[in-house]
Protein backbone atom coordinates (compact mmCIF):
# COMPACT_ATOMS: atom_id res chain seq x y z
CA GLY A 1 21.41 24.37 44.89
CA ILE A 2 17.85 24.19 46.31
CA LEU A 3 16.18 25.94 43.36
CA ASP A 4 16.68 24.85 39.76
CA SER A 5 16.32 27.22 36.82
CA SER A 6 12.64 26.34 36.30
CA THR A 7 11.53 27.07 39.88
CA THR A 8 10.29 30.28 41.52
CA PHE A 9 10.08 30.39 45.32
CA ILE A 10 7.59 32.91 46.74
CA GLU A 11 7.38 33.57 50.47
CA TYR A 12 4.67 35.94 51.67
CA PHE A 13 4.78 38.01 54.83
CA GLU A 14 1.64 39.81 55.97
CA GLY A 15 2.36 43.20 57.50
CA GLU A 16 -0.10 45.75 58.83
CA LYS A 17 -0.43 47.84 55.67
CA ALA A 18 1.05 45.55 53.03
CA ILE A 19 1.80 41.96 52.12
CA TYR A 20 5.42 41.43 51.10
CA ALA A 21 6.24 38.73 48.55
CA PHE A 22 9.88 37.65 48.65
CA VAL A 23 10.54 36.17 45.21
CA ILE A 24 13.63 34.00 44.76
CA THR A 25 14.87 32.26 41.62
CA LYS A 26 18.23 30.72 40.76
CA GLN A 27 19.21 34.02 39.13
CA ASP A 28 17.42 36.70 41.10
CA VAL A 29 15.94 37.91 44.40
CA SER A 30 13.23 40.59 44.58
CA VAL A 31 10.50 41.87 46.89
CA GLU A 32 7.00 42.70 45.71
CA VAL A 33 5.05 45.08 47.95
CA ILE A 34 1.34 44.31 47.75
CA VAL A 35 -0.61 47.18 49.26
CA LYS A 36 -3.56 45.99 51.32
CA ASP A 37 -6.72 47.40 49.82
CA GLU A 38 -9.52 48.14 52.22
CA GLY A 39 -11.20 44.84 52.94
CA LEU A 40 -8.54 42.61 51.33
CA GLN A 41 -8.59 40.19 54.26
CA PHE A 42 -12.38 40.06 54.24
CA LYS A 43 -12.34 39.47 50.45
CA LEU A 44 -9.89 36.60 50.81
CA GLN A 45 -11.94 34.95 53.56
CA ASN A 46 -15.13 35.30 51.50
CA PHE A 47 -13.39 33.85 48.46
CA GLN A 48 -12.20 30.80 50.36
CA LYS A 49 -15.66 30.28 51.90
CA SER A 50 -17.32 30.61 48.49
CA LEU A 51 -15.28 27.68 47.15
CA MET A 52 -17.10 25.41 49.62
CA ASP A 53 -20.58 26.97 49.58
CA HIS A 54 -22.58 24.46 47.52
CA ASP A 55 -25.93 25.72 48.84
CA ASN A 56 -25.35 29.28 47.70
CA TYR A 57 -24.11 28.05 44.31
CA ALA A 58 -27.33 26.07 43.79
CA LYS A 59 -29.46 29.10 44.69
CA GLN A 60 -27.52 31.83 42.87
CA THR A 61 -25.52 30.02 40.19
CA ALA A 62 -24.76 33.00 37.95
CA VAL A 63 -23.91 35.31 40.86
CA VAL A 64 -21.52 32.80 42.42
CA TYR A 65 -19.88 32.01 39.06
CA ASN A 66 -19.40 35.69 38.16
CA THR A 67 -18.04 36.55 41.60
CA PHE A 68 -15.59 33.65 41.37
CA ILE A 69 -14.34 34.77 37.93
CA GLN A 70 -13.75 38.33 39.13
CA ASP A 71 -12.19 37.42 42.49
CA ALA A 72 -9.96 34.61 41.17
CA HIS A 73 -8.49 36.96 38.56
CA TYR A 74 -8.20 39.85 41.02
CA PHE A 75 -6.16 37.74 43.46
CA TYR A 76 -3.98 36.47 40.60
CA GLN A 77 -3.16 40.05 39.60
CA LYS A 78 -2.72 41.17 43.18
CA LEU A 79 -0.68 38.30 44.61
CA VAL A 80 1.02 36.33 41.87
CA GLN A 81 1.28 38.11 38.52
CA GLY A 82 4.13 40.44 39.47
CA ALA A 83 6.18 37.54 40.82
CA ILE A 84 5.82 35.15 37.90
CA THR A 85 5.69 37.35 34.80
CA LYS A 86 9.28 38.50 35.40
CA ASN A 87 10.49 34.92 35.80
CA LYS A 88 9.83 32.30 33.17
CA THR A 89 9.17 29.30 35.33
CA ALA A 90 7.36 25.97 35.37
CA ARG A 91 7.30 25.30 39.11
CA LEU A 92 6.13 27.46 42.03
CA ILE A 93 6.99 26.79 45.67
CA ILE A 94 4.72 28.98 47.79
CA VAL A 95 5.10 29.81 51.48
CA PRO A 96 1.88 31.59 52.47
CA ASP A 97 1.33 33.73 55.55
CA GLY A 98 -1.71 34.90 57.49
CA VAL A 99 -5.00 34.55 55.68
CA LEU A 100 -3.13 33.44 52.51
CA SER A 101 -2.54 30.13 54.28
CA TYR A 102 -6.10 29.17 53.37
CA LEU A 103 -5.91 30.18 49.70
CA PRO A 104 -5.55 27.44 47.06
CA PHE A 105 -3.39 29.32 44.54
CA GLU A 106 -4.11 26.69 41.85
CA VAL A 107 -7.62 28.09 41.29
CA LEU A 108 -6.52 31.67 40.59
CA LEU A 109 -7.35 32.75 37.04
CA GLN A 110 -4.65 34.10 34.74
CA LYS A 111 -7.20 36.04 32.68
CA THR A 112 -10.86 36.96 32.88
CA THR A 113 -13.56 35.19 30.91
CA PRO A 114 -17.07 36.33 29.89
CA LEU A 115 -19.55 36.67 32.75
CA LEU A 116 -23.02 35.11 32.79
CA LYS A 117 -26.21 37.10 32.52
CA GLN A 118 -28.05 37.61 35.80
CA GLY A 119 -30.27 34.66 36.63
CA ALA A 120 -28.66 32.34 34.08
CA ASN A 121 -28.25 28.76 35.20
CA VAL A 122 -26.98 27.33 31.93
CA GLY A 123 -23.57 27.70 30.38
CA VAL A 124 -21.86 27.40 33.76
CA ASP A 125 -18.62 25.51 33.19
CA PHE A 126 -15.84 25.66 35.74
CA SER A 127 -13.80 22.98 33.96
CA ASN A 128 -12.32 25.08 31.13
CA LEU A 129 -11.24 28.20 33.01
CA PRO A 130 -7.61 29.45 32.77
CA TYR A 131 -6.54 28.27 36.22
CA LEU A 132 -2.97 28.77 37.41
CA VAL A 133 -2.67 24.97 37.75
CA ARG A 134 -2.89 24.65 33.96
CA ASP A 135 0.58 26.15 33.51
CA TYR A 136 2.42 25.64 36.80
CA LYS A 137 3.39 22.83 39.14
CA ILE A 138 2.50 24.27 42.54
CA SER A 139 3.64 23.05 45.94
CA TYR A 140 3.57 24.66 49.38
CA ASN A 141 5.89 24.82 52.33
CA TYR A 142 5.69 26.14 55.87
CA SER A 143 8.88 28.21 55.65
CA GLY A 144 12.10 28.64 53.72
CA THR A 145 13.96 27.23 56.71
CA ILE A 146 11.95 23.99 56.64
CA LEU A 147 12.47 23.74 52.86
CA MET A 148 16.25 24.04 53.28
CA ALA A 149 16.25 21.48 56.09
CA GLN A 150 14.28 19.05 53.92
CA GLN A 151 16.67 19.50 51.00
CA ALA A 152 19.72 18.99 53.23
CA LYS A 153 18.38 15.75 54.71
CA PRO A 154 19.42 12.47 53.11
CA LYS A 155 16.55 10.80 51.26
CA ASN A 156 15.14 8.46 53.86
CA SER A 157 12.43 6.53 52.02
CA ILE A 158 12.60 2.86 52.94
CA ASN A 159 10.60 1.63 49.90
CA GLY A 160 7.70 2.45 47.58
CA ASN A 161 5.18 0.28 49.42
CA ILE A 162 1.96 1.70 50.80
CA LEU A 163 0.49 1.39 54.28
CA ALA A 164 -3.16 2.43 53.93
CA LEU A 165 -5.87 2.67 56.58
CA ALA A 166 -9.58 3.26 56.04
CA PRO A 167 -11.41 2.98 59.39
CA TYR A 168 -15.14 2.52 59.92
CA TYR A 169 -16.81 4.56 62.61
CA THR A 170 -20.46 3.57 62.89
CA SER A 171 -19.90 -0.19 62.69
CA SER A 172 -16.70 -0.48 64.74
CA LYS A 173 -16.75 -1.24 68.46
CA ALA A 174 -18.37 1.35 70.69
CA PRO A 175 -15.84 3.35 72.71
CA PRO A 176 -15.70 2.10 76.30
CA ASN A 177 -17.14 4.47 78.89
CA TRP A 178 -13.71 4.97 80.46
CA ARG A 179 -12.57 6.95 77.41
CA GLU A 180 -12.44 10.73 77.87
CA LYS A 181 -15.83 12.40 77.57
CA ARG A 182 -14.72 14.57 74.66
CA ILE A 183 -13.66 11.44 72.72
CA LEU A 184 -17.04 9.83 73.34
CA LYS A 185 -18.77 13.02 72.17
CA LEU A 186 -16.56 13.29 69.09
CA ARG A 187 -17.14 9.68 68.02
CA ASN A 188 -20.92 10.13 68.25
CA LEU A 189 -20.67 12.78 65.53
CA LEU A 190 -18.68 10.68 63.05
CA VAL A 191 -20.14 9.15 59.91
CA ASP A 192 -18.42 6.56 57.71
CA LEU A 193 -16.57 7.91 54.67
CA SER A 194 -17.88 5.51 52.02
CA GLY A 195 -15.52 6.76 49.32
CA THR A 196 -12.42 5.99 51.36
CA VAL A 197 -13.06 2.24 51.32
CA ASN A 198 -13.19 2.28 47.50
CA GLU A 199 -10.13 4.50 47.48
CA VAL A 200 -8.05 2.08 49.57
CA THR A 201 -9.46 -0.99 47.76
CA ASN A 202 -8.31 0.50 44.45
CA LEU A 203 -4.83 1.02 45.92
CA GLU A 204 -4.77 -2.57 47.18
CA ASN A 205 -5.60 -3.85 43.70
CA CYS A 206 -2.81 -1.87 42.05
CA TYR A 207 0.11 -1.46 44.45
CA GLU A 208 2.30 -3.34 46.90
CA GLY A 209 1.75 -2.80 50.61
CA GLN A 210 -0.55 -3.45 53.54
CA PHE A 211 -4.16 -2.29 53.56
CA TYR A 212 -6.35 -2.15 56.67
CA PHE A 213 -10.09 -1.52 56.77
CA GLY A 214 -12.70 -1.03 59.46
CA GLN A 215 -11.73 -2.00 62.98
CA GLN A 216 -8.24 -3.11 61.88
CA ALA A 217 -7.48 0.49 60.92
CA ASN A 218 -6.65 1.38 64.51
CA GLU A 219 -3.88 3.27 66.28
CA THR A 220 -2.02 0.20 67.57
CA ILE A 221 -1.64 -1.28 64.08
CA PHE A 222 -0.64 2.07 62.61
CA LYS A 223 2.08 2.75 65.15
CA LYS A 224 3.53 -0.77 64.81
CA ALA A 225 3.61 -0.70 61.00
CA ALA A 226 4.22 2.91 59.97
CA TYR A 227 8.03 2.78 60.22
CA ASN A 228 8.23 0.07 57.54
CA TYR A 229 6.51 1.87 54.65
CA GLY A 230 7.60 4.52 52.16
CA ILE A 231 4.05 5.82 51.63
CA LEU A 232 1.37 6.29 54.31
CA HIS A 233 -2.19 6.71 53.04
CA LEU A 234 -4.60 7.71 55.81
CA ALA A 235 -8.20 7.86 54.62
CA MET A 236 -10.04 9.01 57.71
CA HIS A 237 -11.61 11.89 59.58
CA GLY A 238 -9.35 14.62 60.88
CA PHE A 239 -10.15 16.97 63.74
CA VAL A 240 -8.72 20.44 64.22
CA ASP A 241 -8.40 21.93 67.69
CA GLN A 242 -8.11 25.66 67.05
CA ASN A 243 -7.17 26.47 70.65
CA ASN A 244 -4.63 23.67 71.18
CA PRO A 245 -3.09 22.70 67.81
CA ASP A 246 -1.14 19.83 69.39
CA TYR A 247 -4.51 18.20 70.13
CA SER A 248 -5.60 18.27 66.49
CA ALA A 249 -5.87 14.64 65.49
CA LEU A 250 -6.60 11.87 63.03
CA ILE A 251 -9.39 9.58 64.18
CA LEU A 252 -8.87 5.84 63.74
CA ALA A 253 -11.23 2.93 64.35
CA GLU A 254 -12.20 2.11 67.93
CA ASP A 255 -11.03 -1.35 69.06
CA GLN A 256 -11.31 -0.71 72.83
CA ALA A 257 -7.54 -1.05 73.31
CA LYS A 258 -6.24 0.15 76.67
CA GLU A 259 -2.79 1.19 75.43
CA GLU A 260 -4.13 3.54 72.73
CA ASP A 261 -7.28 5.67 72.48
CA ASN A 262 -7.36 5.53 68.64
CA ILE A 263 -7.05 9.29 68.39
CA LEU A 264 -3.69 10.07 66.79
CA TYR A 265 -2.84 13.54 68.10
CA SER A 266 -0.44 15.98 66.45
CA TYR A 267 1.93 15.78 69.41
CA GLU A 268 2.08 11.97 68.98
CA ILE A 269 2.79 12.27 65.25
CA LYS A 270 5.76 14.56 65.95
CA GLN A 271 7.32 11.81 68.07
CA LEU A 272 7.10 9.14 65.37
CA GLU A 273 10.35 8.28 63.64
CA LEU A 274 9.39 7.58 60.05
CA GLN A 275 11.26 6.47 56.95
CA THR A 276 8.36 7.63 54.84
CA ASN A 277 8.76 9.68 51.66
CA LEU A 278 5.10 10.64 51.27
CA VAL A 279 2.04 10.93 53.51
CA VAL A 280 -1.37 11.26 51.90
CA LEU A 281 -4.02 12.56 54.30
CA SER A 282 -7.23 11.78 52.48
CA ALA A 283 -9.33 13.15 55.30
CA CYS A 284 -11.50 16.10 56.25
CA GLU A 285 -9.89 19.36 57.35
CA THR A 286 -6.34 18.05 57.75
CA GLY A 287 -4.73 21.17 56.28
CA ILE A 288 -6.65 23.68 58.34
CA GLY A 289 -5.12 24.63 61.66
CA LYS A 290 -4.72 27.56 63.97
CA TYR A 291 -2.68 30.30 62.32
CA GLN A 292 0.30 31.59 64.28
CA ARG A 293 2.23 34.60 62.94
CA GLY A 294 5.61 33.56 61.59
CA GLU A 295 4.82 29.89 62.02
CA GLY A 296 2.34 29.24 59.23
CA VAL A 297 -0.60 26.90 59.68
CA VAL A 298 -0.06 24.65 62.67
CA SER A 299 -1.72 21.45 61.51
CA ILE A 300 -1.64 17.69 61.47
CA GLY A 301 0.33 17.89 58.25
CA ARG A 302 3.10 19.92 59.81
CA SER A 303 3.46 17.31 62.55
CA PHE A 304 4.36 14.73 59.93
CA MET A 305 7.11 17.05 58.72
CA TYR A 306 8.53 17.11 62.25
CA ALA A 307 8.48 13.30 62.10
CA GLY A 308 10.81 13.45 59.09
CA VAL A 309 8.36 13.20 56.18
CA PRO A 310 9.46 15.38 53.22
CA SER A 311 6.19 15.39 51.24
CA LEU A 312 2.52 15.64 52.18
CA LEU A 313 -0.67 15.63 50.19
CA MET A 314 -3.65 16.87 52.18
CA THR A 315 -7.00 18.57 51.87
CA LEU A 316 -7.69 22.19 52.76
CA TRP A 317 -11.32 21.68 53.72
CA SER A 318 -14.03 19.03 54.18
CA LEU A 319 -13.84 17.00 51.01
CA ASN A 320 -16.44 15.65 48.64
CA ASP A 321 -15.95 11.89 48.89
CA HIS A 322 -16.24 11.22 45.16
CA SER A 323 -13.98 13.99 43.87
CA GLY A 324 -11.30 13.07 46.40
CA THR A 325 -11.31 9.44 45.28
CA VAL A 326 -10.95 10.35 41.59
CA ILE A 327 -8.08 12.77 42.21
CA ILE A 328 -6.22 10.45 44.60
CA GLU A 329 -6.50 7.47 42.25
CA GLN A 330 -5.12 9.50 39.36
CA PHE A 331 -2.35 10.92 41.56
CA TYR A 332 -1.06 7.43 42.37
CA LYS A 333 -1.25 6.38 38.71
CA ASN A 334 0.89 9.37 37.80
CA LEU A 335 3.39 8.62 40.57
CA SER A 336 3.66 4.99 39.45
CA ILE A 337 4.82 6.03 35.97
CA GLY A 338 7.56 8.20 37.44
CA MET A 339 6.08 11.71 37.64
CA GLU A 340 7.39 13.99 40.38
CA LYS A 341 4.86 14.55 43.14
CA ASP A 342 3.86 18.14 42.30
CA GLU A 343 3.40 17.26 38.63
CA ALA A 344 1.48 14.08 39.58
CA ILE A 345 -1.08 16.05 41.60
CA ARG A 346 -1.29 18.78 38.96
CA GLN A 347 -2.10 16.23 36.27
CA ALA A 348 -4.62 14.53 38.57
CA LYS A 349 -6.45 17.82 39.08
CA LEU A 350 -6.42 18.53 35.35
CA PHE A 351 -7.77 15.00 34.73
CA TYR A 352 -10.59 15.71 37.20
CA LEU A 353 -11.42 18.99 35.46
């Protein structure tokens, strides 16, 4: 009863010589064996890096565009085409593994398009390409087991109200010198995320809830209030600790409190008991975490799942402030008119394109 007739569930497992795609629909179960070409892992890592490399794009526009077209279609053929052409479906639930954990499947291209001439800097248009997101609602999970546990749980959302926090960093109180040295060092590197204030202000103007800015967006207030809201919107910096995933954290405003250090660690999130239906992490690097075989990406997002949250929206890399604000705003509009979450984010991305 977990999958309806319009959904295809794909769970990947990365072996030494092949990637196995376990494809499950309401009617059928199959396994696709994807032979690892020489350098597949390297290609995937380069592809993911290229999606964030603005400097290289500015210098070599045509080269970057052409490489993207070829790679995005190659990975579609290699990883997805066999699984979805056999099954007419509208929704994909993807459980990635290994290096696939860092691949945004939405950007894969279902067909190739004409390449640009070498050196051309005009005619570059990423907005009209045949992305997978044009035809499919796509969501991700950490494992089939977690998906089943989520489906079996009673719906626990307390309400549709939003608790949103947008901390300041440069203008909030300086951290006291008795904070840990690594916290002091980390805070010195932080800049304010100007777009997040607009993002949360827009939410405040449109939706019911509680909205905290600047120094009020601290850990004490969050922990006291979080239990009472159906949606948590956290517009702040995230920090990933690759060596100790439990010490990955969200960074709130410094208010010099003694009870809390205003760093919300993953291990603390796991211990929260939430009645929340949706957490939106509008922050930098919240989806990236240390990969552990068989466990998926250990991240801040996963900690919220342990705390009982069934749905998360989070970024896969450091985010452009403006684009994030546009997509988030549209996502909430779509939710407010009754769209399901995966369709709401799909339509928001299409709106941005």
